[in-house]
């Protein structure tokens, strides 16, 4: 089993620790906003290590939509490159952990639909897109 490297950003690390140590019974809302989040466990692109990141919970049927917004920053979050290189992940949604495979959505019609679903689940995504010139990456995670 690969080494686990905790997130370097303090609030992100704490969110993951609370969520994971409680088995998903605590920490399932992001930053005490009341907005539900999931934990995506994935493999680091450069290190090969196990990485974990909390993301907004956006569901479409049995699938999840993962949005690489990084608050509208000019560059992608590191996890985007990790998923591009290693698409097999685990998603913790509360107490349920599911093995999934992600794919970046490049078809504009599908992306538009998933983007609309994402903005409906978390309206700040729309503002984040206006803050950056990059197209925010959208991934679809489907059960394996």
C-alpha atoms as a PDB file:
ATOM      1  CA  UNK A   1       0.000   0.000   0.000  1.00  0.00           C
ATOM      2  CA  UNK A   2       1.285   3.464  -0.905  1.00  0.00           C
ATOM      3  CA  UNK A   3       2.125   6.073   1.711  1.00  0.00           C
ATOM      4  CA  UNK A   4      -0.599   8.582   2.613  1.00  0.00           C
ATOM      5  CA  UNK A   5       0.441  12.220   2.335  1.00  0.00           C
ATOM      6  CA  UNK A   6      -2.053  14.515   4.095  1.00  0.00           C
ATOM      7  CA  UNK A   7      -3.119  17.763   2.395  1.00  0.00           C
ATOM      8  CA  UNK A   8      -0.700  20.641   2.988  1.00  0.00           C
ATOM      9  CA  UNK A   9      -3.417  23.284   3.448  1.00  0.00           C
ATOM     10  CA  UNK A  10      -4.409  23.343   7.117  1.00  0.00           C
ATOM     11  CA  UNK A  11      -8.215  23.603   6.780  1.00  0.00           C
ATOM     12  CA  UNK A  12      -8.251  20.927   4.063  1.00  0.00           C
ATOM     13  CA  UNK A  13      -6.182  18.541   6.202  1.00  0.00           C
ATOM     14  CA  UNK A  14      -8.471  19.131   9.205  1.00  0.00           C
ATOM     15  CA  UNK A  15     -11.601  18.537   7.098  1.00  0.00           C
ATOM     16  CA  UNK A  16     -10.217  15.207   5.849  1.00  0.00           C
ATOM     17  CA  UNK A  17      -9.090  14.170   9.352  1.00  0.00           C
ATOM     18  CA  UNK A  18     -12.504  14.867  10.909  1.00  0.00           C
ATOM     19  CA  UNK A  19     -14.394  13.183   8.064  1.00  0.00           C
ATOM     20  CA  UNK A  20     -12.179  10.102   7.903  1.00  0.00           C
ATOM     21  CA  UNK A  21     -11.592   9.607  11.651  1.00  0.00           C
ATOM     22  CA  UNK A  22     -15.352   9.647  12.297  1.00  0.00           C
ATOM     23  CA  UNK A  23     -16.065   7.125   9.555  1.00  0.00           C
ATOM     24  CA  UNK A  24     -18.054   9.805   7.751  1.00  0.00           C
ATOM     25  CA  UNK A  25     -20.387  10.703  10.611  1.00  0.00           C
ATOM     26  CA  UNK A  26     -18.719  14.112  11.165  1.00  0.00           C
ATOM     27  CA  UNK A  27     -17.156  16.627   8.794  1.00  0.00           C
ATOM     28  CA  UNK A  28     -19.555  15.827   5.955  1.00  0.00           C
ATOM     29  CA  UNK A  29     -20.269  19.527   5.393  1.00  0.00           C
ATOM     30  CA  UNK A  30     -17.567  21.757   3.999  1.00  0.00           C
ATOM     31  CA  UNK A  31     -16.152  24.458   6.264  1.00  0.00           C
ATOM     32  CA  UNK A  32     -19.224  24.440   8.440  1.00  0.00           C
ATOM     33  CA  UNK A  33     -21.212  25.948   5.549  1.00  0.00           C
ATOM     34  CA  UNK A  34     -23.864  23.278   5.763  1.00  0.00           C
ATOM     35  CA  UNK A  35     -22.969  22.325   2.175  1.00  0.00           C
ATOM     36  CA  UNK A  36     -22.390  18.567   1.843  1.00  0.00           C
ATOM     37  CA  UNK A  37     -18.967  17.370   0.769  1.00  0.00           C
ATOM     38  CA  UNK A  38     -17.283  14.111  -0.164  1.00  0.00           C
ATOM     39  CA  UNK A  39     -13.731  12.868   0.253  1.00  0.00           C
ATOM     40  CA  UNK A  40     -11.963  11.759  -2.923  1.00  0.00           C
ATOM     41  CA  UNK A  41      -9.074   9.366  -2.290  1.00  0.00           C
ATOM     42  CA  UNK A  42      -6.725   9.229  -5.243  1.00  0.00           C
ATOM     43  CA  UNK A  43      -3.111   8.625  -6.242  1.00  0.00           C
ATOM     44  CA  UNK A  44      -0.561  11.409  -6.590  1.00  0.00           C
ATOM     45  CA  UNK A  45       0.652  11.981 -10.121  1.00  0.00           C
ATOM     46  CA  UNK A  46       4.287  12.620  -9.175  1.00  0.00           C
ATOM     47  CA  UNK A  47       4.634  10.854  -5.803  1.00  0.00           C
ATOM     48  CA  UNK A  48       2.382   7.838  -6.335  1.00  0.00           C
ATOM     49  CA  UNK A  49       1.227   8.449  -2.752  1.00  0.00           C
ATOM     50  CA  UNK A  50      -2.347   8.225  -1.506  1.00  0.00           C
ATOM     51  CA  UNK A  51      -3.967  11.670  -1.467  1.00  0.00           C
ATOM     52  CA  UNK A  52      -7.347  12.803  -0.099  1.00  0.00           C
ATOM     53  CA  UNK A  53      -9.303  15.932  -0.945  1.00  0.00           C
ATOM     54  CA  UNK A  54     -12.706  17.190   0.202  1.00  0.00           C
ATOM     55  CA  UNK A  55     -14.921  18.386  -2.648  1.00  0.00           C
ATOM     56  CA  UNK A  56     -18.462  19.673  -2.868  1.00  0.00           C
ATOM     57  CA  UNK A  57     -21.003  16.849  -3.135  1.00  0.00           C
ATOM     58  CA  UNK A  58     -22.528  17.018  -6.608  1.00  0.00           C
ATOM     59  CA  UNK A  59     -24.441  13.885  -7.613  1.00  0.00           C
ATOM     60  CA  UNK A  60     -25.984  12.843 -10.885  1.00  0.00           C
ATOM     61  CA  UNK A  61     -27.713   9.499 -10.384  1.00  0.00           C
ATOM     62  CA  UNK A  62     -25.071   7.049  -9.094  1.00  0.00           C
ATOM     63  CA  UNK A  63     -22.269   9.279 -10.356  1.00  0.00           C
ATOM     64  CA  UNK A  64     -20.488  12.270  -8.869  1.00  0.00           C
ATOM     65  CA  UNK A  65     -19.347  15.463 -10.568  1.00  0.00           C
ATOM     66  CA  UNK A  66     -15.927  16.707  -9.454  1.00  0.00           C
ATOM     67  CA  UNK A  67     -15.246  20.376 -10.187  1.00  0.00           C
ATOM     68  CA  UNK A  68     -11.664  21.675 -10.271  1.00  0.00           C
ATOM     69  CA  UNK A  69     -12.600  25.237  -9.364  1.00  0.00           C
ATOM     70  CA  UNK A  70      -9.975  26.120  -6.735  1.00  0.00           C
ATOM     71  CA  UNK A  71     -12.126  29.149  -5.973  1.00  0.00           C
ATOM     72  CA  UNK A  72     -11.497  30.632  -9.422  1.00  0.00           C
ATOM     73  CA  UNK A  73      -7.710  30.689  -9.032  1.00  0.00           C
ATOM     74  CA  UNK A  74      -5.717  31.043 -12.284  1.00  0.00           C
ATOM     75  CA  UNK A  75      -4.424  27.461 -12.199  1.00  0.00           C
ATOM     76  CA  UNK A  76      -5.940  24.046 -11.626  1.00  0.00           C
ATOM     77  CA  UNK A  77      -5.781  22.348  -8.246  1.00  0.00           C
ATOM     78  CA  UNK A  78      -3.103  19.634  -8.103  1.00  0.00           C
ATOM     79  CA  UNK A  79      -5.715  16.896  -7.763  1.00  0.00           C
ATOM     80  CA  UNK A  80      -6.859  17.592 -11.355  1.00  0.00           C
ATOM     81  CA  UNK A  81      -3.486  16.367 -12.662  1.00  0.00           C
ATOM     82  CA  UNK A  82      -3.614  13.396 -10.292  1.00  0.00           C
ATOM     83  CA  UNK A  83      -7.013  12.303 -11.655  1.00  0.00           C
ATOM     84  CA  UNK A  84      -5.891  12.760 -15.241  1.00  0.00           C
ATOM     85  CA  UNK A  85      -2.960  10.408 -14.589  1.00  0.00           C
ATOM     86  CA  UNK A  86      -4.723   7.969 -12.226  1.00  0.00           C
ATOM     87  CA  UNK A  87      -8.495   7.792 -12.800  1.00  0.00           C
ATOM     88  CA  UNK A  88      -9.269   5.072 -10.224  1.00  0.00           C
ATOM     89  CA  UNK A  89     -10.494   6.661  -6.988  1.00  0.00           C
ATOM     90  CA  UNK A  90     -12.542   6.016  -3.893  1.00  0.00           C
ATOM     91  CA  UNK A  91     -15.268   8.420  -2.890  1.00  0.00           C
ATOM     92  CA  UNK A  92     -16.491   8.678   0.687  1.00  0.00           C
ATOM     93  CA  UNK A  93     -19.997  10.119   0.879  1.00  0.00           C
ATOM     94  CA  UNK A  94     -20.839  10.099   4.552  1.00  0.00           C
ATOM     95  CA  UNK A  95     -20.361   6.555   5.810  1.00  0.00           C
ATOM     96  CA  UNK A  96     -20.371   4.989   2.318  1.00  0.00           C
ATOM     97  CA  UNK A  97     -17.099   4.449   0.434  1.00  0.00           C
ATOM     98  CA  UNK A  98     -17.334   3.510  -3.255  1.00  0.00           C
ATOM     99  CA  UNK A  99     -14.644   2.567  -5.772  1.00  0.00           C
ATOM    100  CA  UNK A 100     -15.070   4.759  -8.842  1.00  0.00           C
ATOM    101  CA  UNK A 101     -13.401   5.661 -12.101  1.00  0.00           C
ATOM    102  CA  UNK A 102     -13.250   9.261 -13.227  1.00  0.00           C
ATOM    103  CA  UNK A 103     -13.058  10.796 -16.648  1.00  0.00           C
ATOM    104  CA  UNK A 104     -12.624  14.410 -17.574  1.00  0.00           C
ATOM    105  CA  UNK A 105     -15.671  15.662 -19.445  1.00  0.00           C
ATOM    106  CA  UNK A 106     -14.645  17.314 -22.697  1.00  0.00           C
ATOM    107  CA  UNK A 107     -17.851  16.950 -24.714  1.00  0.00           C
ATOM    108  CA  UNK A 108     -19.346  20.437 -24.497  1.00  0.00           C
ATOM    109  CA  UNK A 109     -22.987  19.317 -24.302  1.00  0.00           C
ATOM    110  CA  UNK A 110     -22.284  16.854 -21.486  1.00  0.00           C
ATOM    111  CA  UNK A 111     -20.018  19.340 -19.754  1.00  0.00           C
ATOM    112  CA  UNK A 112     -22.711  22.023 -19.964  1.00  0.00           C
ATOM    113  CA  UNK A 113     -25.260  19.725 -18.352  1.00  0.00           C
ATOM    114  CA  UNK A 114     -22.870  18.678 -15.568  1.00  0.00           C
ATOM    115  CA  UNK A 115     -21.788  22.289 -15.036  1.00  0.00           C
ATOM    116  CA  UNK A 116     -25.437  23.346 -14.611  1.00  0.00           C
ATOM    117  CA  UNK A 117     -25.958  20.508 -12.105  1.00  0.00           C
ATOM    118  CA  UNK A 118     -22.819  21.615 -10.246  1.00  0.00           C
ATOM    119  CA  UNK A 119     -23.859  25.275 -10.089  1.00  0.00           C
ATOM    120  CA  UNK A 120     -27.315  24.250  -8.850  1.00  0.00           C
ATOM    121  CA  UNK A 121     -25.658  22.236  -6.047  1.00  0.00           C
ATOM    122  CA  UNK A 122     -23.112  24.953  -5.220  1.00  0.00           C
ATOM    123  CA  UNK A 123     -23.918  28.367  -6.773  1.00  0.00           C
ATOM    124  CA  UNK A 124     -20.465  29.940  -6.110  1.00  0.00           C
ATOM    125  CA  UNK A 125     -19.083  27.790  -8.954  1.00  0.00           C
ATOM    126  CA  UNK A 126     -20.603  30.294 -11.416  1.00  0.00           C
ATOM    127  CA  UNK A 127     -18.694  33.143  -9.751  1.00  0.00           C
ATOM    128  CA  UNK A 128     -15.482  31.111  -9.715  1.00  0.00           C
ATOM    129  CA  UNK A 129     -15.640  30.677 -13.500  1.00  0.00           C
ATOM    130  CA  UNK A 130     -15.914  34.461 -13.999  1.00  0.00           C
ATOM    131  CA  UNK A 131     -12.772  34.987 -11.875  1.00  0.00           C
ATOM    132  CA  UNK A 132     -10.498  32.949 -14.139  1.00  0.00           C
ATOM    133  CA  UNK A 133      -9.640  32.707 -17.818  1.00  0.00           C
ATOM    134  CA  UNK A 134      -9.168  28.918 -17.658  1.00  0.00           C
ATOM    135  CA  UNK A 135     -12.082  26.618 -18.255  1.00  0.00           C
ATOM    136  CA  UNK A 136     -12.666  24.944 -14.910  1.00  0.00           C
ATOM    137  CA  UNK A 137     -12.190  21.176 -15.321  1.00  0.00           C
ATOM    138  CA  UNK A 138     -15.193  18.930 -14.753  1.00  0.00           C
ATOM    139  CA  UNK A 139     -14.865  15.204 -14.064  1.00  0.00           C
ATOM    140  CA  UNK A 140     -17.521  12.519 -13.867  1.00  0.00           C
ATOM    141  CA  UNK A 141     -16.949   9.684 -11.395  1.00  0.00           C
ATOM    142  CA  UNK A 142     -18.819   6.473 -12.098  1.00  0.00           C
ATOM    143  CA  UNK A 143     -18.999   3.335  -9.925  1.00  0.00           C
ATOM    144  CA  UNK A 144     -16.623   0.568 -10.965  1.00  0.00           C
END
